[in-house]
Amino acid sequence: MSSNSHNRASWKVPASIISKRTSNPIRAIVDHIKVKPNPNKSMISLALGDPTLFGNFKIHQTCTDAVAKQLHSYKANGYPPSTGYQQSRQAVADKFTTPEAPISFQDVIITSGCSGALDMCIGVLCNEGDNILLPRPGFSLYQTLADSKGVEVRYYDLLPENNWEMDLKQLESLIDERTSTVVMNNPSNPCGSVFRKQHLLDFLAVCERHHLPVIADEIYCDLVFSGNEFFPLASLTQTVPVLAVGGLAKKYLVPGWRVGWIFIHDRNNVFAEVREGLNSLSQLILGSNSLIQAALPEILNSTDPSFYHDTRVQLEANAKLSTDILSKVPGLKVIVPQGAMYVMISINVAEFKDIANDIIFTEKLLGEESVMCLPGSVFQCPNFIRIVFTSPPEVLEDAYKRMAEFCARHHV
């Protein structure tokens, strides 16, 4: 009997192939950590990329007022079009269009969060048996989505010694006739890096040579620190087709509102079929949250610019605090973040007497100091840890003091 057939003689209901090949690399490692936090010390988690956890990052009042206005209007309670309300798509287009990469509402699809946008982009470009190029280290959901669709993952390296820039020679060596797309994340989760303009141009040159479309994950687009500049990838090319994804989650500090978007940056009508495919895929869940997307025009147009500035200033101050303290800890090396809300830290295991790798480091740190961070292995980057620095400064200082004491105890 084939694996696809059903035995009607008795009850046996198997899970689907798609569900069996779907897993979260973070859960695969973190769920096997059996160490309990130290009961004598308060728990501090620096692991979850959610800026709302401690209450120090708050969305602007105009945004909540915009949602309340839609709530009380009773006009945003029904099904929106699967690609989003036209006025919402237009507001997003108006906010993010550039002279170099103009977009209209027809080029915007409203999605259920940025993760929903990524799911649709991978789904529209990749067939089972194709391969996709993903960054290493990179956001673990990319692998989850590819695996679930039966798409082979090929990792290209980001180089810590070059502020996590892409190893373009190694990336190019991975491309073959079954490579469907490459995912580029800028600014980066988990690295906190921001790519230089010339580096992006060099990356696009590789894509041009191989006629390779790009999925550009730009959810952290404006969370960039002093001395760095964000360049939308599509603004740097007139030939390489780009599906750019973003959303409200990070810039507006509301990951639970579940509104994201896709920008279809077509070039010479190359994405004609892809555009139709995205419209079809949008019908799988019949669109994102009606209430929030109805409020999008006001959220995008009426939020005081000081909100964005204050958010960046607070994040940058936390990044500096993290770098200043942790760079002095023996055995650790901080790769200075340039944006987003993360920092990757190298662990020199040779300097520790009883820590063989990043997973043991995070287990022991949790058990002894009740500080939780993610091991780099969940991002395909062993012997690193990732820290989320959105906690209040006093919480970060406490956590880093404990980390320093932990490293001193275990240092050779």
Protein backbone atom coordinates (compact mmCIF):
# COMPACT_ATOMS: atom_id res chain seq x y z
CA MET A 1 0.00 0.00 0.00
CA SER A 2 1.45 3.39 -0.98
CA SER A 3 2.04 6.07 1.60
CA ASN A 4 -0.63 8.18 -0.10
CA SER A 5 -3.40 5.59 0.19
CA HIS A 6 -5.85 5.27 3.06
CA ASN A 7 -6.72 1.98 4.72
CA ARG A 8 -10.49 2.01 5.19
CA ALA A 9 -10.57 -1.16 7.28
CA SER A 10 -9.69 0.65 10.51
CA TRP A 11 -9.08 4.10 11.98
CA LYS A 12 -5.70 5.42 10.97
CA VAL A 13 -5.36 9.10 10.17
CA PRO A 14 -1.76 10.08 9.37
CA ALA A 15 -0.42 13.61 9.37
CA SER A 16 0.39 15.07 5.96
CA ILE A 17 3.83 15.04 4.40
CA ILE A 18 3.88 18.85 4.57
CA SER A 19 3.25 18.84 8.32
CA LYS A 20 5.91 16.20 8.94
CA ARG A 21 8.60 18.15 7.15
CA THR A 22 7.69 21.41 8.89
CA SER A 23 9.79 22.23 11.93
CA ASN A 24 11.25 25.28 13.63
CA PRO A 25 15.05 25.11 14.05
CA ILE A 26 14.79 27.22 17.20
CA ARG A 27 12.33 24.84 18.81
CA ALA A 28 14.38 21.83 17.69
CA ILE A 29 17.30 23.04 19.81
CA VAL A 30 15.70 25.09 22.59
CA ASP A 31 13.12 22.42 23.44
CA HIS A 32 15.97 20.02 24.20
CA ILE A 33 17.48 22.36 26.77
CA LYS A 34 16.51 20.62 30.00
CA VAL A 35 18.28 22.99 32.38
CA LYS A 36 16.02 24.99 34.67
CA PRO A 37 16.69 28.64 35.56
CA ASN A 38 18.40 29.34 38.88
CA PRO A 39 15.49 29.70 41.36
CA ASN A 40 17.48 32.22 43.38
CA LYS A 41 17.76 34.68 40.50
CA SER A 42 15.01 36.42 38.54
CA MET A 43 14.61 35.23 34.97
CA ILE A 44 15.84 37.56 32.20
CA SER A 45 15.13 36.52 28.62
CA LEU A 46 17.20 38.12 25.89
CA ALA A 47 16.01 35.54 23.38
CA LEU A 48 12.73 36.71 21.89
CA GLY A 49 12.65 39.37 19.17
CA ASP A 50 9.50 40.99 20.52
CA PRO A 51 9.98 44.68 21.42
CA THR A 52 6.77 44.78 23.47
CA LEU A 53 7.82 42.41 26.25
CA PHE A 54 9.04 44.94 28.83
CA GLY A 55 6.77 47.87 27.95
CA ASN A 56 9.60 50.31 27.27
CA PHE A 57 8.91 50.32 23.52
CA LYS A 58 5.37 51.50 22.78
CA ILE A 59 3.52 52.29 19.58
CA HIS A 60 2.59 55.94 19.10
CA GLN A 61 -0.80 57.09 20.39
CA THR A 62 -1.90 58.16 16.90
CA CYS A 63 -1.64 54.54 15.77
CA THR A 64 -3.84 53.17 18.53
CA ASP A 65 -6.26 56.05 17.92
CA ALA A 66 -6.40 55.10 14.23
CA VAL A 67 -7.29 51.51 15.13
CA ALA A 68 -9.89 52.66 17.68
CA LYS A 69 -11.43 54.91 15.03
CA GLN A 70 -11.84 51.96 12.68
CA LEU A 71 -13.16 49.77 15.48
CA HIS A 72 -15.89 52.24 16.35
CA SER A 73 -16.77 52.93 12.72
CA TYR A 74 -18.08 49.36 12.27
CA LYS A 75 -16.86 49.63 8.66
CA ALA A 76 -13.83 47.36 8.93
CA ASN A 77 -15.40 44.22 10.37
CA GLY A 78 -16.02 42.33 7.14
CA TYR A 79 -13.85 40.43 4.71
CA PRO A 80 -11.40 42.70 2.89
CA PRO A 81 -10.21 41.75 -0.59
CA SER A 82 -7.66 38.95 -0.28
CA THR A 83 -4.87 41.27 -1.45
CA GLY A 84 -5.98 44.04 0.92
CA TYR A 85 -8.14 47.14 0.85
CA GLN A 86 -7.20 49.31 -2.11
CA GLN A 87 -6.85 52.41 0.06
CA SER A 88 -4.51 50.50 2.39
CA ARG A 89 -2.39 49.22 -0.49
CA GLN A 90 -2.24 52.76 -1.90
CA ALA A 91 -1.15 54.18 1.46
CA VAL A 92 1.67 51.63 1.68
CA ALA A 93 2.70 52.34 -1.92
CA ASP A 94 2.73 56.10 -1.29
CA LYS A 95 4.85 55.63 1.83
CA PHE A 96 7.51 53.41 0.27
CA THR A 97 7.67 54.36 -3.40
CA THR A 98 10.94 55.87 -4.61
CA PRO A 99 11.88 57.53 -7.90
CA GLU A 100 14.28 54.65 -8.58
CA ALA A 101 11.73 51.94 -7.73
CA PRO A 102 8.22 53.37 -8.11
CA ILE A 103 5.25 51.31 -6.95
CA SER A 104 1.48 51.77 -7.09
CA PHE A 105 -1.25 49.97 -5.21
CA GLN A 106 -1.29 47.26 -7.89
CA ASP A 107 2.26 46.37 -6.82
CA VAL A 108 1.34 45.92 -3.13
CA ILE A 109 -0.23 42.90 -1.44
CA ILE A 110 -1.24 43.18 2.20
CA THR A 111 -0.37 40.00 4.08
CA SER A 112 -0.78 38.40 7.49
CA GLY A 113 2.44 39.74 8.92
CA CYS A 114 5.83 39.73 7.26
CA SER A 115 6.04 35.97 7.85
CA GLY A 116 2.91 35.59 5.74
CA ALA A 117 4.58 37.68 3.05
CA LEU A 118 7.65 35.41 3.11
CA ASP A 119 5.46 32.32 2.89
CA MET A 120 3.73 33.67 -0.20
CA CYS A 121 6.96 34.77 -1.87
CA ILE A 122 8.66 31.41 -1.40
CA GLY A 123 5.44 29.68 -2.42
CA VAL A 124 5.11 31.62 -5.66
CA LEU A 125 8.75 31.26 -6.76
CA CYS A 126 9.65 27.72 -5.65
CA ASN A 127 8.47 24.29 -6.71
CA GLU A 128 9.11 21.10 -4.78
CA GLY A 129 12.58 19.89 -5.72
CA ASP A 130 13.90 23.38 -6.43
CA ASN A 131 16.57 24.92 -4.25
CA ILE A 132 16.63 28.28 -2.51
CA LEU A 133 19.62 30.28 -1.26
CA LEU A 134 19.35 31.45 2.35
CA PRO A 135 21.75 33.48 4.53
CA ARG A 136 23.82 31.80 7.24
CA PRO A 137 23.31 33.01 9.92
CA GLY A 138 19.73 33.87 9.10
CA PHE A 139 16.15 34.03 10.32
CA SER A 140 15.13 30.42 11.03
CA LEU A 141 11.65 30.82 9.50
CA TYR A 142 13.20 30.87 6.02
CA GLN A 143 14.26 27.25 6.47
CA THR A 144 10.93 26.29 8.04
CA LEU A 145 9.01 27.64 5.05
CA ALA A 146 11.34 26.05 2.49
CA ASP A 147 11.37 22.67 4.20
CA SER A 148 7.58 22.57 4.42
CA LYS A 149 7.33 23.09 0.66
CA GLY A 150 9.92 20.44 -0.20
CA VAL A 151 12.46 23.03 -1.35
CA GLU A 152 16.14 22.27 -0.83
CA VAL A 153 17.93 24.83 1.33
CA ARG A 154 21.40 25.97 0.32
CA TYR A 155 23.13 28.36 2.70
CA TYR A 156 25.39 31.19 1.66
CA ASP A 157 27.69 32.56 4.31
CA LEU A 158 27.68 35.94 5.99
CA LEU A 159 31.17 36.96 7.11
CA PRO A 160 31.50 38.24 10.69
CA GLU A 161 34.92 39.73 9.97
CA ASN A 162 33.27 41.94 7.32
CA ASN A 163 30.30 43.11 9.41
CA TRP A 164 28.32 40.08 8.22
CA GLU A 165 28.49 40.95 4.53
CA MET A 166 27.59 38.18 2.08
CA ASP A 167 30.29 35.87 0.76
CA LEU A 168 29.30 36.54 -2.84
CA LYS A 169 31.80 34.14 -4.38
CA GLN A 170 30.51 31.28 -2.25
CA LEU A 171 26.91 32.35 -2.90
CA GLU A 172 27.46 32.29 -6.64
CA SER A 173 28.95 28.79 -6.45
CA LEU A 174 25.64 27.46 -5.08
CA ILE A 175 23.52 28.51 -8.07
CA ASP A 176 22.39 25.88 -10.57
CA GLU A 177 19.46 25.28 -12.93
CA ARG A 178 17.13 24.40 -10.02
CA THR A 179 17.87 27.53 -7.98
CA SER A 180 14.57 29.40 -7.88
CA THR A 181 15.43 32.46 -5.76
CA VAL A 182 17.76 33.95 -3.15
CA VAL A 183 16.61 35.52 0.12
CA MET A 184 18.49 38.66 1.17
CA ASN A 185 17.81 40.14 4.62
CA ASN A 186 18.84 43.76 5.25
CA PRO A 187 19.05 44.96 8.01
CA SER A 188 19.69 41.49 9.37
CA ASN A 189 18.11 39.27 11.96
CA PRO A 190 20.09 37.85 13.75
CA CYS A 191 23.20 39.87 12.87
CA GLY A 192 22.09 43.49 13.22
CA SER A 193 24.11 44.30 10.10
CA VAL A 194 23.31 46.92 7.44
CA PHE A 195 24.73 46.37 3.95
CA ARG A 196 26.73 49.02 2.14
CA LYS A 197 25.38 50.29 -1.19
CA GLN A 198 28.32 48.89 -3.15
CA HIS A 199 27.89 45.49 -1.52
CA LEU A 200 24.24 45.44 -2.59
CA LEU A 201 25.25 46.40 -6.12
CA ASP A 202 27.77 43.56 -6.18
CA PHE A 203 25.08 41.17 -4.97
CA LEU A 204 22.70 42.36 -7.69
CA ALA A 205 25.42 41.80 -10.28
CA VAL A 206 25.52 38.12 -9.28
CA CYS A 207 21.74 37.90 -9.59
CA GLU A 208 21.86 39.61 -12.97
CA ARG A 209 24.46 37.19 -14.31
CA HIS A 210 22.31 34.20 -13.36
CA HIS A 211 18.87 35.74 -13.95
CA LEU A 212 18.00 35.01 -10.33
CA PRO A 213 15.02 36.82 -8.75
CA VAL A 214 15.38 38.09 -5.18
CA ILE A 215 13.22 37.98 -2.09
CA ALA A 216 14.35 41.02 -0.09
CA ASP A 217 13.36 40.82 3.57
CA GLU A 218 13.43 44.48 4.61
CA ILE A 219 11.23 44.35 7.70
CA TYR A 220 13.87 46.34 9.67
CA CYS A 221 14.25 48.89 6.86
CA ASP A 222 14.43 52.08 8.94
CA LEU A 223 15.94 50.74 12.16
CA VAL A 224 19.45 51.84 11.21
CA PHE A 225 22.03 53.36 13.54
CA SER A 226 24.24 56.43 13.10
CA GLY A 227 26.86 56.18 10.39
CA ASN A 228 24.89 53.61 8.40
CA GLU A 229 22.32 53.97 5.63
CA PHE A 230 19.60 51.65 4.41
CA PHE A 231 19.12 51.25 0.65
CA PRO A 232 15.99 49.45 -0.60
CA LEU A 233 17.38 46.74 -2.85
CA ALA A 234 14.90 47.41 -5.67
CA SER A 235 16.04 51.03 -5.85
CA LEU A 236 19.47 49.88 -7.02
CA THR A 237 18.46 47.85 -10.09
CA GLN A 238 16.41 48.26 -13.23
CA THR A 239 16.85 44.67 -14.39
CA VAL A 240 16.69 42.25 -11.43
CA PRO A 241 13.10 41.48 -10.35
CA VAL A 242 12.59 41.82 -6.59
CA LEU A 243 9.85 40.78 -4.21
CA ALA A 244 10.41 42.99 -1.15
CA VAL A 245 8.65 42.21 2.13
CA GLY A 246 8.01 44.36 5.17
CA GLY A 247 5.34 45.21 7.69
CA LEU A 248 4.28 47.01 10.85
CA ALA A 249 5.81 44.56 13.33
CA LYS A 250 9.22 46.07 14.04
CA LYS A 251 9.20 49.72 12.97
CA TYR A 252 5.84 50.30 14.63
CA LEU A 253 6.52 47.87 17.53
CA VAL A 254 3.36 45.79 17.05
CA PRO A 255 4.31 42.24 15.96
CA GLY A 256 0.97 40.91 17.18
CA TRP A 257 -1.06 43.10 14.83
CA ARG A 258 -0.13 40.76 11.95
CA VAL A 259 -0.03 43.15 9.02
CA GLY A 260 2.75 42.91 6.47
CA TRP A 261 3.16 43.49 2.76
CA ILE A 262 4.81 42.43 -0.46
CA PHE A 263 6.15 44.90 -3.01
CA ILE A 264 6.23 43.48 -6.53
CA HIS A 265 9.17 45.23 -8.17
CA ASP A 266 8.73 43.85 -11.67
CA ARG A 267 11.34 44.38 -14.35
CA ASN A 268 10.38 44.16 -18.03
CA ASN A 269 7.24 42.17 -17.15
CA VAL A 270 9.32 39.25 -15.88
CA PHE A 271 6.97 38.87 -12.90
CA ALA A 272 3.74 38.78 -14.94
CA GLU A 273 3.01 35.18 -13.98
CA VAL A 274 4.34 35.68 -10.46
CA ARG A 275 1.96 38.61 -9.96
CA GLU A 276 -0.99 36.37 -10.87
CA GLY A 277 0.40 33.64 -8.63
CA LEU A 278 0.60 35.97 -5.63
CA ASN A 279 -2.99 37.04 -6.20
CA SER A 280 -3.97 33.37 -6.18
CA LEU A 281 -1.97 32.56 -3.04
CA SER A 282 -3.52 35.52 -1.21
CA GLN A 283 -6.84 33.68 -1.42
CA LEU A 284 -5.62 30.85 0.80
CA ILE A 285 -6.37 32.81 3.98
CA LEU A 286 -8.55 35.57 2.47
CA GLY A 287 -6.36 38.44 3.55
CA SER A 288 -4.94 39.87 6.76
CA ASN A 289 -6.55 41.57 9.75
CA SER A 290 -9.26 43.88 8.41
CA LEU A 291 -9.24 46.29 11.33
CA ILE A 292 -5.50 47.00 11.31
CA GLN A 293 -5.17 47.28 7.56
CA ALA A 294 -8.11 49.68 7.46
CA ALA A 295 -6.16 51.88 9.86
CA LEU A 296 -3.00 51.73 7.72
CA PRO A 297 -3.50 55.04 5.87
CA GLU A 298 -3.69 56.95 9.13
CA ILE A 299 -0.93 54.94 10.80
CA LEU A 300 1.47 55.56 7.93
CA ASN A 301 0.57 59.20 7.31
CA SER A 302 -0.23 60.64 10.73
CA THR A 303 2.41 59.18 13.03
CA ASP A 304 4.69 61.89 14.39
CA PRO A 305 8.23 61.54 12.93
CA SER A 306 9.57 61.87 16.46
CA PHE A 307 8.23 58.36 17.16
CA TYR A 308 10.57 56.81 14.61
CA HIS A 309 13.48 58.94 15.80
CA ASP A 310 12.93 58.11 19.46
CA THR A 311 12.68 54.39 18.70
CA ARG A 312 15.97 54.42 16.80
CA VAL A 313 17.70 56.47 19.52
CA GLN A 314 16.57 54.06 22.23
CA LEU A 315 17.65 51.02 20.21
CA GLU A 316 21.00 52.55 19.37
CA ALA A 317 21.64 53.45 23.01
CA ASN A 318 20.87 49.85 24.01
CA ALA A 319 23.15 48.57 21.25
CA LYS A 320 26.00 50.78 22.51
CA LEU A 321 25.42 49.71 26.10
CA SER A 322 25.51 46.06 25.00
CA THR A 323 28.69 46.54 22.99
CA ASP A 324 30.46 48.57 25.67
CA ILE A 325 29.86 46.03 28.44
CA LEU A 326 30.10 42.71 26.61
CA SER A 327 33.18 43.61 24.57
CA LYS A 328 35.13 43.71 27.86
CA VAL A 329 34.14 40.18 28.87
CA PRO A 330 36.97 37.65 28.36
CA GLY A 331 36.07 34.88 25.93
CA LEU A 332 33.43 36.92 24.09
CA LYS A 333 33.74 39.00 20.93
CA VAL A 334 30.97 41.40 19.97
CA ILE A 335 30.22 42.02 16.29
CA VAL A 336 29.05 45.62 16.62
CA PRO A 337 25.42 45.95 15.43
CA GLN A 338 24.58 48.57 12.81
CA GLY A 339 20.79 48.35 13.03
CA ALA A 340 17.71 46.27 13.93
CA MET A 341 17.53 45.00 17.55
CA TYR A 342 20.05 42.18 17.72
CA VAL A 343 23.72 41.55 18.37
CA MET A 344 25.69 38.40 17.58
CA ILE A 345 28.51 37.52 19.98
CA SER A 346 31.29 35.06 19.24
CA ILE A 347 32.26 32.57 21.95
CA ASN A 348 35.91 31.58 21.96
CA VAL A 349 35.36 28.10 23.41
CA ALA A 350 39.14 27.58 23.72
CA GLU A 351 39.13 30.19 26.50
CA PHE A 352 36.62 28.27 28.62
CA LYS A 353 37.46 25.19 30.65
CA ASP A 354 34.11 23.41 30.48
CA ILE A 355 32.14 25.00 27.60
CA ALA A 356 32.54 23.11 24.34
CA ASN A 357 30.00 24.97 22.20
CA ASP A 358 27.26 27.60 22.08
CA ILE A 359 24.51 25.24 23.22
CA ILE A 360 26.38 24.29 26.39
CA PHE A 361 27.12 27.99 26.96
CA THR A 362 23.43 28.92 26.82
CA GLU A 363 22.41 25.94 28.98
CA LYS A 364 24.90 26.74 31.71
CA LEU A 365 24.14 30.47 31.56
CA LEU A 366 20.45 29.73 32.03
CA GLY A 367 21.03 27.26 34.86
CA GLU A 368 23.48 29.41 36.79
CA GLU A 369 22.38 32.98 36.07
CA SER A 370 18.76 32.68 34.81
CA VAL A 371 19.70 34.56 31.64
CA MET A 372 18.34 33.18 28.40
CA CYS A 373 19.80 33.91 24.97
CA LEU A 374 19.67 31.92 21.76
CA PRO A 375 22.57 29.73 20.70
CA GLY A 376 23.92 30.59 17.26
CA SER A 377 23.29 27.02 16.14
CA VAL A 378 19.60 27.83 15.67
CA PHE A 379 20.76 30.28 12.99
CA GLN A 380 23.23 27.79 11.46
CA CYS A 381 26.05 29.68 13.18
CA PRO A 382 27.70 27.59 15.94
CA ASN A 383 29.74 29.14 18.74
CA PHE A 384 27.85 32.40 18.61
CA ILE A 385 24.95 33.63 20.70
CA ARG A 386 22.27 36.13 19.72
CA ILE A 387 21.03 38.75 22.14
CA VAL A 388 17.92 40.88 21.70
CA PHE A 389 18.65 44.28 23.26
CA THR A 390 15.11 45.69 23.49
CA SER A 391 14.94 45.30 27.29
CA PRO A 392 15.20 48.41 29.49
CA PRO A 393 18.83 49.47 30.13
CA GLU A 394 18.72 48.46 33.77
CA VAL A 395 17.59 44.94 32.79
CA LEU A 396 20.35 44.69 30.19
CA GLU A 397 22.95 45.85 32.71
CA ASP A 398 21.79 43.22 35.20
CA ALA A 399 21.87 40.49 32.55
CA TYR A 400 25.31 41.51 31.30
CA LYS A 401 26.72 41.67 34.84
CA ARG A 402 25.55 38.09 35.35
CA MET A 403 27.04 37.05 32.01
CA ALA A 404 30.38 38.61 32.94
CA GLU A 405 30.41 36.78 36.27
CA PHE A 406 29.46 33.54 34.51
CA CYS A 407 32.27 33.89 31.96
CA ALA A 408 34.79 34.71 34.73
CA ARG A 409 33.86 31.51 36.59
CA HIS A 410 34.28 29.32 33.52
CA HIS A 411 37.27 31.04 31.96
CA VAL A 412 40.54 29.09 31.94
